[in-house]
Every structure is written in structure tokens, then in C-alpha cells.
Amino acid sequence: MLELLKSLVFAVIMVPVVMAVILGLIYGLGEVFNLFSGVGHKDRSQQKSLISRRPV
């Protein structure tokens, strides 16, 4: 019975920990890919800012 309770407590503690790690990895990979996607588009962001500042 004590072994069953130990396993239950371990599972209750580890489920949120593992979920937090997985969500952190997803968030981190998203940030990394956002950095990579912005590398080749520096000239486009300057063009957009020039276009938006031009009077109509």
C-alpha cells in the first residue's frame, strides 16, 4: 500500500513538471525560429516603415 502511495505522489508531482518542460521547449523553439525568420527580412522591414511614413 505504501508503495502505491509513493507511486501516486510521484506521478502527481511529475505530470505538471513534465508538462511545464514541454511547454517551455515549445516556447523556446518558437523564439528560436522567430529569430531565424527575421534574419533575411531586414530590408523588407525598412521598406514597410518607409511606405507607412510616406504621406498619402
Protein backbone atom coordinates (compact mmCIF):
# COMPACT_ATOMS: atom_id res chain seq x y z
CA MET A 1 0.00 0.00 0.00
CA LEU A 2 2.83 2.39 0.83
CA GLU A 3 4.47 1.64 -2.50
CA LEU A 4 1.24 2.51 -4.30
CA LEU A 5 1.01 5.84 -2.47
CA LYS A 6 4.63 6.63 -3.32
CA SER A 7 3.93 5.97 -6.99
CA LEU A 8 0.80 8.12 -6.90
CA VAL A 9 2.61 11.04 -5.27
CA PHE A 10 5.45 10.72 -7.77
CA ALA A 11 3.00 10.78 -10.69
CA VAL A 12 1.09 13.76 -9.27
CA ILE A 13 4.33 15.71 -8.90
CA MET A 14 5.90 14.72 -12.22
CA VAL A 15 2.94 15.36 -14.54
CA PRO A 16 2.97 19.18 -14.11
CA VAL A 17 6.77 19.23 -14.18
CA VAL A 18 6.94 17.35 -17.47
CA MET A 19 4.16 19.49 -18.95
CA ALA A 20 6.00 22.67 -17.94
CA VAL A 21 9.19 21.37 -19.55
CA ILE A 22 7.38 20.51 -22.77
CA LEU A 23 5.65 23.91 -22.91
CA GLY A 24 8.98 25.62 -22.22
CA LEU A 25 10.60 23.73 -25.08
CA ILE A 26 7.78 24.69 -27.43
CA TYR A 27 8.08 28.34 -26.40
CA GLY A 28 11.87 28.27 -26.72
CA LEU A 29 11.77 26.69 -30.16
CA GLY A 30 9.23 29.31 -31.23
CA GLU A 31 11.57 32.08 -30.13
CA VAL A 32 14.50 30.47 -31.96
CA PHE A 33 12.51 30.14 -35.18
CA ASN A 34 11.29 33.74 -34.85
CA LEU A 35 14.91 34.85 -34.71
CA PHE A 36 15.74 32.77 -37.78
CA SER A 37 12.73 34.05 -39.72
CA GLY A 38 13.70 37.67 -39.08
CA VAL A 39 17.28 37.26 -40.31
CA GLY A 40 16.58 37.54 -44.04
CA HIS A 41 13.86 40.18 -43.86
CA LYS A 42 15.75 43.24 -42.63
CA ASP A 43 15.30 45.09 -45.93
CA ARG A 44 11.57 44.35 -46.02
CA SER A 45 11.00 45.87 -42.58
CA GLN A 46 12.78 49.06 -43.69
CA GLN A 47 10.69 49.22 -46.85
CA LYS A 48 7.48 48.81 -44.88
CA SER A 49 8.45 51.58 -42.47
CA LEU A 50 9.28 53.90 -45.39
CA ILE A 51 6.00 53.10 -47.10
CA SER A 52 3.96 53.68 -43.96
CA ARG A 53 5.64 57.07 -43.34
CA ARG A 54 5.01 58.35 -46.86
CA PRO A 55 2.15 60.90 -46.97
CA VAL A 56 -0.90 59.88 -48.96
